[in-house]
Structures are given as C-alpha cells and as structure tokens.
Amino acid sequence: EGSSFPWSLNEAGSVLGKLDPTDKHYPA
C-alpha cells in the first residue's frame, strides 16, 4: 500500500539470486 519494508541490505561480495530455479517456495 505504497510503503516499503526492508528485507535485507546486500553489500559488496554478497551473492544474489538462486542457484536452484526449481524452488517453488520462493515468493518471487
């Protein structure tokens, strides 16, 4: 509803994305 809620701050060196594309539980 127009408000943003932080989840994580990823600094340099952090890995993003998923290695397993078949993961069905991720709220994409």
mmCIF file of all heavy atoms, coordinates in Angstrom:
data_MODEL
# 
_entry.id   MODEL 
# 
loop_
_atom_site.group_PDB 
_atom_site.id 
_atom_site.type_symbol 
_atom_site.label_atom_id 
_atom_site.label_alt_id 
_atom_site.label_comp_id 
_atom_site.label_asym_id 
_atom_site.label_entity_id 
_atom_site.label_seq_id 
_atom_site.pdbx_PDB_ins_code 
_atom_site.Cartn_x 
_atom_site.Cartn_y 
_atom_site.Cartn_z 
_atom_site.occupancy 
_atom_site.B_iso_or_equiv 
_atom_site.pdbx_formal_charge 
_atom_site.auth_seq_id 
_atom_site.auth_comp_id 
_atom_site.auth_asym_id 
_atom_site.auth_atom_id 
_atom_site.pdbx_PDB_model_num 
ATOM 1   N N   . GLU A 1 1  ? 0.820  -1.212  0.000   1.00 0.00 ? 1  GLU A N   1 
ATOM 2   C CA  . GLU A 1 1  ? 0.000  0.000   0.000   1.00 0.00 ? 1  GLU A CA  1 
ATOM 3   C C   . GLU A 1 1  ? 0.854  1.262   0.000   1.00 0.00 ? 1  GLU A C   1 
ATOM 4   O O   . GLU A 1 1  ? 0.618  2.193   0.768   1.00 0.00 ? 1  GLU A O   1 
ATOM 5   C CB  . GLU A 1 1  ? -0.963 -0.008  1.190   1.00 0.00 ? 1  GLU A CB  1 
ATOM 6   C CG  . GLU A 1 1  ? -1.966 -1.149  1.156   1.00 0.00 ? 1  GLU A CG  1 
ATOM 7   C CD  . GLU A 1 1  ? -2.934 -1.110  2.324   1.00 0.00 ? 1  GLU A CD  1 
ATOM 8   O OE1 . GLU A 1 1  ? -2.703 -0.305  3.249   1.00 0.00 ? 1  GLU A OE1 1 
ATOM 9   O OE2 . GLU A 1 1  ? -3.897 -1.875  2.314   1.00 0.00 ? 1  GLU A OE2 1 
ATOM 10  N N   . GLY A 1 2  ? 1.869  1.272   -0.863  1.00 0.00 ? 2  GLY A N   1 
ATOM 11  C CA  . GLY A 1 2  ? 2.690  2.464   -1.021  1.00 0.00 ? 2  GLY A CA  1 
ATOM 12  C C   . GLY A 1 2  ? 3.816  2.617   -0.023  1.00 0.00 ? 2  GLY A C   1 
ATOM 13  O O   . GLY A 1 2  ? 4.599  3.572   -0.106  1.00 0.00 ? 2  GLY A O   1 
ATOM 14  N N   . SER A 1 3  ? 3.933  1.718   0.940   1.00 0.00 ? 3  SER A N   1 
ATOM 15  C CA  . SER A 1 3  ? 5.004  1.766   1.932   1.00 0.00 ? 3  SER A CA  1 
ATOM 16  C C   . SER A 1 3  ? 5.980  0.625   1.678   1.00 0.00 ? 3  SER A C   1 
ATOM 17  O O   . SER A 1 3  ? 5.560  -0.485  1.340   1.00 0.00 ? 3  SER A O   1 
ATOM 18  C CB  . SER A 1 3  ? 4.432  1.655   3.350   1.00 0.00 ? 3  SER A CB  1 
ATOM 19  O OG  . SER A 1 3  ? 3.549  2.720   3.620   1.00 0.00 ? 3  SER A OG  1 
ATOM 20  N N   . SER A 1 4  ? 7.269  0.904   1.822   1.00 0.00 ? 4  SER A N   1 
ATOM 21  C CA  . SER A 1 4  ? 8.296  -0.118  1.593   1.00 0.00 ? 4  SER A CA  1 
ATOM 22  C C   . SER A 1 4  ? 8.812  -0.640  2.920   1.00 0.00 ? 4  SER A C   1 
ATOM 23  O O   . SER A 1 4  ? 9.018  0.126   3.868   1.00 0.00 ? 4  SER A O   1 
ATOM 24  C CB  . SER A 1 4  ? 9.449  0.458   0.768   1.00 0.00 ? 4  SER A CB  1 
ATOM 25  O OG  . SER A 1 4  ? 10.127 1.463   1.488   1.00 0.00 ? 4  SER A OG  1 
ATOM 26  N N   . PHE A 1 5  ? 9.036  -1.953  2.974   1.00 0.00 ? 5  PHE A N   1 
ATOM 27  C CA  . PHE A 1 5  ? 9.513  -2.597  4.188   1.00 0.00 ? 5  PHE A CA  1 
ATOM 28  C C   . PHE A 1 5  ? 10.798 -3.348  3.867   1.00 0.00 ? 5  PHE A C   1 
ATOM 29  O O   . PHE A 1 5  ? 10.811 -4.214  2.985   1.00 0.00 ? 5  PHE A O   1 
ATOM 30  C CB  . PHE A 1 5  ? 8.447  -3.546  4.733   1.00 0.00 ? 5  PHE A CB  1 
ATOM 31  C CG  . PHE A 1 5  ? 7.191  -2.842  5.165   1.00 0.00 ? 5  PHE A CG  1 
ATOM 32  C CD1 . PHE A 1 5  ? 6.166  -2.612  4.253   1.00 0.00 ? 5  PHE A CD1 1 
ATOM 33  C CD2 . PHE A 1 5  ? 7.061  -2.373  6.454   1.00 0.00 ? 5  PHE A CD2 1 
ATOM 34  C CE1 . PHE A 1 5  ? 5.021  -1.952  4.636   1.00 0.00 ? 5  PHE A CE1 1 
ATOM 35  C CE2 . PHE A 1 5  ? 5.914  -1.703  6.845   1.00 0.00 ? 5  PHE A CE2 1 
ATOM 36  C CZ  . PHE A 1 5  ? 4.885  -1.482  5.944   1.00 0.00 ? 5  PHE A CZ  1 
ATOM 37  N N   . PRO A 1 6  ? 11.909 -3.004  4.549   1.00 0.00 ? 6  PRO A N   1 
ATOM 38  C CA  . PRO A 1 6  ? 13.214 -3.605  4.206   1.00 0.00 ? 6  PRO A CA  1 
ATOM 39  C C   . PRO A 1 6  ? 13.261 -5.082  4.553   1.00 0.00 ? 6  PRO A C   1 
ATOM 40  O O   . PRO A 1 6  ? 12.662 -5.535  5.536   1.00 0.00 ? 6  PRO A O   1 
ATOM 41  C CB  . PRO A 1 6  ? 14.191 -2.798  5.068   1.00 0.00 ? 6  PRO A CB  1 
ATOM 42  C CG  . PRO A 1 6  ? 13.384 -2.279  6.205   1.00 0.00 ? 6  PRO A CG  1 
ATOM 43  C CD  . PRO A 1 6  ? 12.006 -2.047  5.658   1.00 0.00 ? 6  PRO A CD  1 
ATOM 44  N N   . TRP A 1 7  ? 13.983 -5.818  3.716   1.00 0.00 ? 7  TRP A N   1 
ATOM 45  C CA  . TRP A 1 7  ? 14.208 -7.245  3.940   1.00 0.00 ? 7  TRP A CA  1 
ATOM 46  C C   . TRP A 1 7  ? 15.686 -7.514  4.197   1.00 0.00 ? 7  TRP A C   1 
ATOM 47  O O   . TRP A 1 7  ? 16.037 -8.149  5.174   1.00 0.00 ? 7  TRP A O   1 
ATOM 48  C CB  . TRP A 1 7  ? 13.719 -8.044  2.746   1.00 0.00 ? 7  TRP A CB  1 
ATOM 49  C CG  . TRP A 1 7  ? 13.918 -9.528  2.869   1.00 0.00 ? 7  TRP A CG  1 
ATOM 50  C CD1 . TRP A 1 7  ? 14.875 -10.290 2.263   1.00 0.00 ? 7  TRP A CD1 1 
ATOM 51  C CD2 . TRP A 1 7  ? 13.149 -10.428 3.675   1.00 0.00 ? 7  TRP A CD2 1 
ATOM 52  N NE1 . TRP A 1 7  ? 14.752 -11.605 2.618   1.00 0.00 ? 7  TRP A NE1 1 
ATOM 53  C CE2 . TRP A 1 7  ? 13.693 -11.719 3.487   1.00 0.00 ? 7  TRP A CE2 1 
ATOM 54  C CE3 . TRP A 1 7  ? 12.059 -10.267 4.511   1.00 0.00 ? 7  TRP A CE3 1 
ATOM 55  C CZ2 . TRP A 1 7  ? 13.170 -12.839 4.135   1.00 0.00 ? 7  TRP A CZ2 1 
ATOM 56  C CZ3 . TRP A 1 7  ? 11.543 -11.396 5.147   1.00 0.00 ? 7  TRP A CZ3 1 
ATOM 57  C CH2 . TRP A 1 7  ? 12.107 -12.655 4.952   1.00 0.00 ? 7  TRP A CH2 1 
ATOM 58  N N   . SER A 1 8  ? 16.566 -7.018  3.314   1.00 0.00 ? 8  SER A N   1 
ATOM 59  C CA  . SER A 1 8  ? 17.998 -7.225  3.523   1.00 0.00 ? 8  SER A CA  1 
ATOM 60  C C   . SER A 1 8  ? 18.795 -6.170  2.766   1.00 0.00 ? 8  SER A C   1 
ATOM 61  O O   . SER A 1 8  ? 18.355 -5.686  1.720   1.00 0.00 ? 8  SER A O   1 
ATOM 62  C CB  . SER A 1 8  ? 18.430 -8.631  3.068   1.00 0.00 ? 8  SER A CB  1 
ATOM 63  O OG  . SER A 1 8  ? 18.257 -8.772  1.667   1.00 0.00 ? 8  SER A OG  1 
ATOM 64  N N   . LEU A 1 9  ? 19.951 -5.819  3.319   1.00 0.00 ? 9  LEU A N   1 
ATOM 65  C CA  . LEU A 1 9  ? 20.894 -4.930  2.657   1.00 0.00 ? 9  LEU A CA  1 
ATOM 66  C C   . LEU A 1 9  ? 22.105 -5.764  2.279   1.00 0.00 ? 9  LEU A C   1 
ATOM 67  O O   . LEU A 1 9  ? 22.784 -6.317  3.141   1.00 0.00 ? 9  LEU A O   1 
ATOM 68  C CB  . LEU A 1 9  ? 21.304 -3.776  3.579   1.00 0.00 ? 9  LEU A CB  1 
ATOM 69  C CG  . LEU A 1 9  ? 22.188 -2.705  2.955   1.00 0.00 ? 9  LEU A CG  1 
ATOM 70  C CD1 . LEU A 1 9  ? 21.427 -1.940  1.871   1.00 0.00 ? 9  LEU A CD1 1 
ATOM 71  C CD2 . LEU A 1 9  ? 22.688 -1.719  4.017   1.00 0.00 ? 9  LEU A CD2 1 
ATOM 72  N N   . ASN A 1 10 ? 22.358 -5.879  0.980   1.00 0.00 ? 10 ASN A N   1 
ATOM 73  C CA  . ASN A 1 10 ? 23.432 -6.739  0.480   1.00 0.00 ? 10 ASN A CA  1 
ATOM 74  C C   . ASN A 1 10 ? 24.616 -5.886  0.056   1.00 0.00 ? 10 ASN A C   1 
ATOM 75  O O   . ASN A 1 10 ? 24.520 -5.110  -0.892  1.00 0.00 ? 10 ASN A O   1 
ATOM 76  C CB  . ASN A 1 10 ? 22.930 -7.568  -0.702  1.00 0.00 ? 10 ASN A CB  1 
ATOM 77  C CG  . ASN A 1 10 ? 21.727 -8.408  -0.343  1.00 0.00 ? 10 ASN A CG  1 
ATOM 78  O OD1 . ASN A 1 10 ? 20.595 -8.052  -0.640  1.00 0.00 ? 10 ASN A OD1 1 
ATOM 79  N ND2 . ASN A 1 10 ? 21.954 -9.525  0.325   1.00 0.00 ? 10 ASN A ND2 1 
ATOM 80  N N   . GLU A 1 11 ? 25.729 -6.050  0.757   1.00 0.00 ? 11 GLU A N   1 
ATOM 81  C CA  . GLU A 1 11 ? 26.931 -5.273  0.488   1.00 0.00 ? 11 GLU A CA  1 
ATOM 82  C C   . GLU A 1 11 ? 27.783 -5.957  -0.575  1.00 0.00 ? 11 GLU A C   1 
ATOM 83  O O   . GLU A 1 11 ? 27.472 -7.048  -1.052  1.00 0.00 ? 11 GLU A O   1 
ATOM 84  C CB  . GLU A 1 11 ? 27.710 -5.068  1.781   1.00 0.00 ? 11 GLU A CB  1 
ATOM 85  C CG  . GLU A 1 11 ? 26.927 -4.321  2.856   1.00 0.00 ? 11 GLU A CG  1 
ATOM 86  C CD  . GLU A 1 11 ? 27.714 -4.163  4.141   1.00 0.00 ? 11 GLU A CD  1 
ATOM 87  O OE1 . GLU A 1 11 ? 28.680 -4.944  4.331   1.00 0.00 ? 11 GLU A OE1 1 
ATOM 88  O OE2 . GLU A 1 11 ? 27.373 -3.278  4.941   1.00 0.00 ? 11 GLU A OE2 1 
ATOM 89  N N   . ALA A 1 12 ? 28.877 -5.296  -0.944  1.00 0.00 ? 12 ALA A N   1 
ATOM 90  C CA  . ALA A 1 12 ? 29.793 -5.847  -1.939  1.00 0.00 ? 12 ALA A CA  1 
ATOM 91  C C   . ALA A 1 12 ? 30.274 -7.230  -1.506  1.00 0.00 ? 12 ALA A C   1 
ATOM 92  O O   . ALA A 1 12 ? 30.648 -7.430  -0.345  1.00 0.00 ? 12 ALA A O   1 
ATOM 93  C CB  . ALA A 1 12 ? 30.976 -4.909  -2.133  1.00 0.00 ? 12 ALA A CB  1 
ATOM 94  N N   . GLY A 1 13 ? 30.260 -8.171  -2.434  1.00 0.00 ? 13 GLY A N   1 
ATOM 95  C CA  . GLY A 1 13 ? 30.647 -9.545  -2.141  1.00 0.00 ? 13 GLY A CA  1 
ATOM 96  C C   . GLY A 1 13 ? 29.471 -10.460 -1.891  1.00 0.00 ? 13 GLY A C   1 
ATOM 97  O O   . GLY A 1 13 ? 29.629 -11.687 -1.875  1.00 0.00 ? 13 GLY A O   1 
ATOM 98  N N   . SER A 1 14 ? 28.284 -9.891  -1.694  1.00 0.00 ? 14 SER A N   1 
ATOM 99  C CA  . SER A 1 14 ? 27.102 -10.703 -1.431  1.00 0.00 ? 14 SER A CA  1 
ATOM 100 C C   . SER A 1 14 ? 26.633 -11.418 -2.697  1.00 0.00 ? 14 SER A C   1 
ATOM 101 O O   . SER A 1 14 ? 26.726 -10.880 -3.798  1.00 0.00 ? 14 SER A O   1 
ATOM 102 C CB  . SER A 1 14 ? 25.963 -9.829  -0.901  1.00 0.00 ? 14 SER A CB  1 
ATOM 103 O OG  . SER A 1 14 ? 26.326 -9.180  0.292   1.00 0.00 ? 14 SER A OG  1 
ATOM 104 N N   . VAL A 1 15 ? 26.105 -12.600 -2.503  1.00 0.00 ? 15 VAL A N   1 
ATOM 105 C CA  . VAL A 1 15 ? 25.544 -13.377 -3.598  1.00 0.00 ? 15 VAL A CA  1 
ATOM 106 C C   . VAL A 1 15 ? 24.047 -13.114 -3.668  1.00 0.00 ? 15 VAL A C   1 
ATOM 107 O O   . VAL A 1 15 ? 23.348 -13.102 -2.653  1.00 0.00 ? 15 VAL A O   1 
ATOM 108 C CB  . VAL A 1 15 ? 25.811 -14.881 -3.408  1.00 0.00 ? 15 VAL A CB  1 
ATOM 109 C CG1 . VAL A 1 15 ? 25.108 -15.699 -4.483  1.00 0.00 ? 15 VAL A CG1 1 
ATOM 110 C CG2 . VAL A 1 15 ? 27.312 -15.155 -3.437  1.00 0.00 ? 15 VAL A CG2 1 
ATOM 111 N N   . LEU A 1 16 ? 23.547 -12.892 -4.877  1.00 0.00 ? 16 LEU A N   1 
ATOM 112 C CA  . LEU A 1 16 ? 22.124 -12.683 -5.106  1.00 0.00 ? 16 LEU A CA  1 
ATOM 113 C C   . LEU A 1 16 ? 21.588 -13.760 -6.034  1.00 0.00 ? 16 LEU A C   1 
ATOM 114 O O   . LEU A 1 16 ? 22.350 -14.434 -6.720  1.00 0.00 ? 16 LEU A O   1 
ATOM 115 C CB  . LEU A 1 16 ? 21.877 -11.305 -5.725  1.00 0.00 ? 16 LEU A CB  1 
ATOM 116 C CG  . LEU A 1 16 ? 22.237 -10.076 -4.899  1.00 0.00 ? 16 LEU A CG  1 
ATOM 117 C CD1 . LEU A 1 16 ? 21.959 -8.816  -5.705  1.00 0.00 ? 16 LEU A CD1 1 
ATOM 118 C CD2 . LEU A 1 16 ? 21.456 -10.041 -3.595  1.00 0.00 ? 16 LEU A CD2 1 
ATOM 119 N N   . GLY A 1 17 ? 20.271 -13.856 -6.095  1.00 0.00 ? 17 GLY A N   1 
ATOM 120 C CA  . GLY A 1 17 ? 19.661 -14.822 -6.995  1.00 0.00 ? 17 GLY A CA  1 
ATOM 121 C C   . GLY A 1 17 ? 19.658 -16.215 -6.391  1.00 0.00 ? 17 GLY A C   1 
ATOM 122 O O   . GLY A 1 17 ? 20.106 -16.448 -5.265  1.00 0.00 ? 17 GLY A O   1 
ATOM 123 N N   . LYS A 1 18 ? 19.142 -17.168 -7.170  1.00 0.00 ? 18 LYS A N   1 
ATOM 124 C CA  . LYS A 1 18 ? 19.000 -18.531 -6.695  1.00 0.00 ? 18 LYS A CA  1 
ATOM 125 C C   . LYS A 1 18 ? 19.717 -19.484 -7.637  1.00 0.00 ? 18 LYS A C   1 
ATOM 126 O O   . LYS A 1 18 ? 19.629 -19.359 -8.853  1.00 0.00 ? 18 LYS A O   1 
ATOM 127 C CB  . LYS A 1 18 ? 17.528 -18.929 -6.613  1.00 0.00 ? 18 LYS A CB  1 
ATOM 128 C CG  . LYS A 1 18 ? 16.723 -18.069 -5.664  1.00 0.00 ? 18 LYS A CG  1 
ATOM 129 C CD  . LYS A 1 18 ? 15.342 -18.637 -5.368  1.00 0.00 ? 18 LYS A CD  1 
ATOM 130 C CE  . LYS A 1 18 ? 14.507 -18.841 -6.586  1.00 0.00 ? 18 LYS A CE  1 
ATOM 131 N NZ  . LYS A 1 18 ? 14.648 -20.131 -7.222  1.00 0.00 ? 18 LYS A NZ  1 
ATOM 132 N N   . LEU A 1 19 ? 20.405 -20.445 -7.044  1.00 0.00 ? 19 LEU A N   1 
ATOM 133 C CA  . LEU A 1 19 ? 21.071 -21.468 -7.847  1.00 0.00 ? 19 LEU A CA  1 
ATOM 134 C C   . LEU A 1 19 ? 20.067 -22.491 -8.357  1.00 0.00 ? 19 LEU A C   1 
ATOM 135 O O   . LEU A 1 19 ? 20.229 -23.038 -9.444  1.00 0.00 ? 19 LEU A O   1 
ATOM 136 C CB  . LEU A 1 19 ? 22.145 -22.165 -7.010  1.00 0.00 ? 19 LEU A CB  1 
ATOM 137 C CG  . LEU A 1 19 ? 22.973 -23.230 -7.721  1.00 0.00 ? 19 LEU A CG  1 
ATOM 138 C CD1 . LEU A 1 19 ? 23.740 -22.620 -8.887  1.00 0.00 ? 19 LEU A CD1 1 
ATOM 139 C CD2 . LEU A 1 19 ? 23.940 -23.901 -6.748  1.00 0.00 ? 19 LEU A CD2 1 
ATOM 140 N N   . ASP A 1 20 ? 19.015 -22.711 -7.574  1.00 0.00 ? 20 ASP A N   1 
ATOM 141 C CA  . ASP A 1 20 ? 18.030 -23.740 -7.936  1.00 0.00 ? 20 ASP A CA  1 
ATOM 142 C C   . ASP A 1 20 ? 16.789 -23.071 -8.528  1.00 0.00 ? 20 ASP A C   1 
ATOM 143 O O   . ASP A 1 20 ? 15.953 -22.536 -7.793  1.00 0.00 ? 20 ASP A O   1 
ATOM 144 C CB  . ASP A 1 20 ? 17.646 -24.547 -6.698  1.00 0.00 ? 20 ASP A CB  1 
ATOM 145 C CG  . ASP A 1 20 ? 16.641 -25.649 -7.022  1.00 0.00 ? 20 ASP A CG  1 
ATOM 146 O OD1 . ASP A 1 20 ? 16.392 -25.871 -8.228  1.00 0.00 ? 20 ASP A OD1 1 
ATOM 147 O OD2 . ASP A 1 20 ? 16.122 -26.267 -6.087  1.00 0.00 ? 20 ASP A OD2 1 
ATOM 148 N N   . PRO A 1 21 ? 16.610 -23.088 -9.849  1.00 0.00 ? 21 PRO A N   1 
ATOM 149 C CA  . PRO A 1 21 ? 15.441 -22.445 -10.466 1.00 0.00 ? 21 PRO A CA  1 
ATOM 150 C C   . PRO A 1 21 ? 14.147 -23.205 -10.252 1.00 0.00 ? 21 PRO A C   1 
ATOM 151 O O   . PRO A 1 21 ? 13.080 -22.715 -10.596 1.00 0.00 ? 21 PRO A O   1 
ATOM 152 C CB  . PRO A 1 21 ? 15.814 -22.414 -11.958 1.00 0.00 ? 21 PRO A CB  1 
ATOM 153 C CG  . PRO A 1 21 ? 16.735 -23.577 -12.133 1.00 0.00 ? 21 PRO A CG  1 
ATOM 154 C CD  . PRO A 1 21 ? 17.504 -23.701 -10.852 1.00 0.00 ? 21 PRO A CD  1 
ATOM 155 N N   . THR A 1 22 ? 14.226 -24.438 -9.691  1.00 0.00 ? 22 THR A N   1 
ATOM 156 C CA  . THR A 1 22 ? 13.020 -25.240 -9.477  1.00 0.00 ? 22 THR A CA  1 
ATOM 157 C C   . THR A 1 22 ? 12.393 -24.990 -8.112  1.00 0.00 ? 22 THR A C   1 
ATOM 158 O O   . THR A 1 22 ? 11.379 -25.613 -7.779  1.00 0.00 ? 22 THR A O   1 
ATOM 159 C CB  . THR A 1 22 ? 13.350 -26.735 -9.615  1.00 0.00 ? 22 THR A CB  1 
ATOM 160 O OG1 . THR A 1 22 ? 14.264 -27.121 -8.567  1.00 0.00 ? 22 THR A OG1 1 
ATOM 161 C CG2 . THR A 1 22 ? 13.988 -27.030 -10.960 1.00 0.00 ? 22 THR A CG2 1 
ATOM 162 N N   . ASP A 1 23 ? 12.983 -24.103 -7.311  1.00 0.00 ? 23 ASP A N   1 
ATOM 163 C CA  . ASP A 1 23 ? 12.455 -23.813 -5.980  1.00 0.00 ? 23 ASP A CA  1 
ATOM 164 C C   . ASP A 1 23 ? 11.058 -23.213 -6.105  1.00 0.00 ? 23 ASP A C   1 
ATOM 165 O O   . ASP A 1 23 ? 10.890 -22.103 -6.607  1.00 0.00 ? 23 ASP A O   1 
ATOM 166 C CB  . ASP A 1 23 ? 13.390 -22.846 -5.258  1.00 0.00 ? 23 ASP A CB  1 
ATOM 167 C CG  . ASP A 1 23 ? 12.940 -22.558 -3.838  1.00 0.00 ? 23 ASP A CG  1 
ATOM 168 O OD1 . ASP A 1 23 ? 11.916 -23.117 -3.411  1.00 0.00 ? 23 ASP A OD1 1 
ATOM 169 O OD2 . ASP A 1 23 ? 13.605 -21.760 -3.156  1.00 0.00 ? 23 ASP A OD2 1 
ATOM 170 N N   . LYS A 1 24 ? 10.054 -23.930 -5.624  1.00 0.00 ? 24 LYS A N   1 
ATOM 171 C CA  . LYS A 1 24 ? 8.661  -23.498 -5.763  1.00 0.00 ? 24 LYS A CA  1 
ATOM 172 C C   . LYS A 1 24 ? 8.168  -22.702 -4.554  1.00 0.00 ? 24 LYS A C   1 
ATOM 173 O O   . LYS A 1 24 ? 7.053  -22.183 -4.567  1.00 0.00 ? 24 LYS A O   1 
ATOM 174 C CB  . LYS A 1 24 ? 7.751  -24.723 -5.954  1.00 0.00 ? 24 LYS A CB  1 
ATOM 175 C CG  . LYS A 1 24 ? 8.126  -25.614 -7.128  1.00 0.00 ? 24 LYS A CG  1 
ATOM 176 C CD  . LYS A 1 24 ? 8.088  -24.864 -8.461  1.00 0.00 ? 24 LYS A CD  1 
ATOM 177 C CE  . LYS A 1 24 ? 8.399  -25.788 -9.618  1.00 0.00 ? 24 LYS A CE  1 
ATOM 178 N NZ  . LYS A 1 24 ? 8.428  -25.076 -10.921 1.00 0.00 ? 24 LYS A NZ  1 
ATOM 179 N N   . HIS A 1 25 ? 9.000  -22.601 -3.515  1.00 0.00 ? 25 HIS A N   1 
ATOM 180 C CA  . HIS A 1 25 ? 8.548  -21.958 -2.291  1.00 0.00 ? 25 HIS A CA  1 
ATOM 181 C C   . HIS A 1 25 ? 8.960  -20.489 -2.216  1.00 0.00 ? 25 HIS A C   1 
ATOM 182 O O   . HIS A 1 25 ? 8.543  -19.784 -1.307  1.00 0.00 ? 25 HIS A O   1 
ATOM 183 C CB  . HIS A 1 25 ? 9.115  -22.696 -1.073  1.00 0.00 ? 25 HIS A CB  1 
ATOM 184 C CG  . HIS A 1 25 ? 8.733  -24.147 -1.043  1.00 0.00 ? 25 HIS A CG  1 
ATOM 185 N ND1 . HIS A 1 25 ? 7.459  -24.574 -0.740  1.00 0.00 ? 25 HIS A ND1 1 
ATOM 186 C CD2 . HIS A 1 25 ? 9.462  -25.268 -1.297  1.00 0.00 ? 25 HIS A CD2 1 
ATOM 187 C CE1 . HIS A 1 25 ? 7.419  -25.889 -0.793  1.00 0.00 ? 25 HIS A CE1 1 
ATOM 188 N NE2 . HIS A 1 25 ? 8.609  -26.335 -1.128  1.00 0.00 ? 25 HIS A NE2 1 
ATOM 189 N N   . TYR A 1 26 ? 9.753  -20.026 -3.147  1.00 0.00 ? 26 TYR A N   1 
ATOM 190 C CA  . TYR A 1 26 ? 10.236 -18.647 -3.115  1.00 0.00 ? 26 TYR A CA  1 
ATOM 191 C C   . TYR A 1 26 ? 9.125  -17.698 -3.583  1.00 0.00 ? 26 TYR A C   1 
ATOM 192 O O   . TYR A 1 26 ? 8.577  -17.878 -4.677  1.00 0.00 ? 26 TYR A O   1 
ATOM 193 C CB  . TYR A 1 26 ? 11.453 -18.501 -4.025  1.00 0.00 ? 26 TYR A CB  1 
ATOM 194 C CG  . TYR A 1 26 ? 12.065 -17.118 -4.023  1.00 0.00 ? 26 TYR A CG  1 
ATOM 195 C CD1 . TYR A 1 26 ? 12.767 -16.668 -2.920  1.00 0.00 ? 26 TYR A CD1 1 
ATOM 196 C CD2 . TYR A 1 26 ? 11.929 -16.266 -5.115  1.00 0.00 ? 26 TYR A CD2 1 
ATOM 197 C CE1 . TYR A 1 26 ? 13.332 -15.412 -2.907  1.00 0.00 ? 26 TYR A CE1 1 
ATOM 198 C CE2 . TYR A 1 26 ? 12.489 -15.005 -5.111  1.00 0.00 ? 26 TYR A CE2 1 
ATOM 199 C CZ  . TYR A 1 26 ? 13.201 -14.585 -4.006  1.00 0.00 ? 26 TYR A CZ  1 
ATOM 200 O OH  . TYR A 1 26 ? 13.742 -13.328 -3.985  1.00 0.00 ? 26 TYR A OH  1 
ATOM 201 N N   . PRO A 1 27 ? 8.755  -16.689 -2.770  1.00 0.00 ? 27 PRO A N   1 
ATOM 202 C CA  . PRO A 1 27 ? 7.693  -15.751 -3.167  1.00 0.00 ? 27 PRO A CA  1 
ATOM 203 C C   . PRO A 1 27 ? 8.209  -14.756 -4.197  1.00 0.00 ? 27 PRO A C   1 
ATOM 204 O O   . PRO A 1 27 ? 8.509  -13.599 -3.899  1.00 0.00 ? 27 PRO A O   1 
ATOM 205 C CB  . PRO A 1 27 ? 7.336  -15.060 -1.845  1.00 0.00 ? 27 PRO A CB  1 
ATOM 206 C CG  . PRO A 1 27 ? 8.593  -15.121 -1.039  1.00 0.00 ? 27 PRO A CG  1 
ATOM 207 C CD  . PRO A 1 27 ? 9.281  -16.407 -1.420  1.00 0.00 ? 27 PRO A CD  1 
ATOM 208 N N   . ALA A 1 28 ? 8.299  -15.177 -5.438  1.00 0.00 ? 28 ALA A N   1 
ATOM 209 C CA  . ALA A 1 28 ? 9.015  -14.428 -6.465  1.00 0.00 ? 28 ALA A CA  1 
ATOM 210 C C   . ALA A 1 28 ? 8.416  -13.059 -6.752  1.00 0.00 ? 28 ALA A C   1 
ATOM 211 O O   . ALA A 1 28 ? 9.132  -12.148 -7.144  1.00 0.00 ? 28 ALA A O   1 
ATOM 212 C CB  . ALA A 1 28 ? 9.047  -15.252 -7.766  1.00 0.00 ? 28 ALA A CB  1 
# 
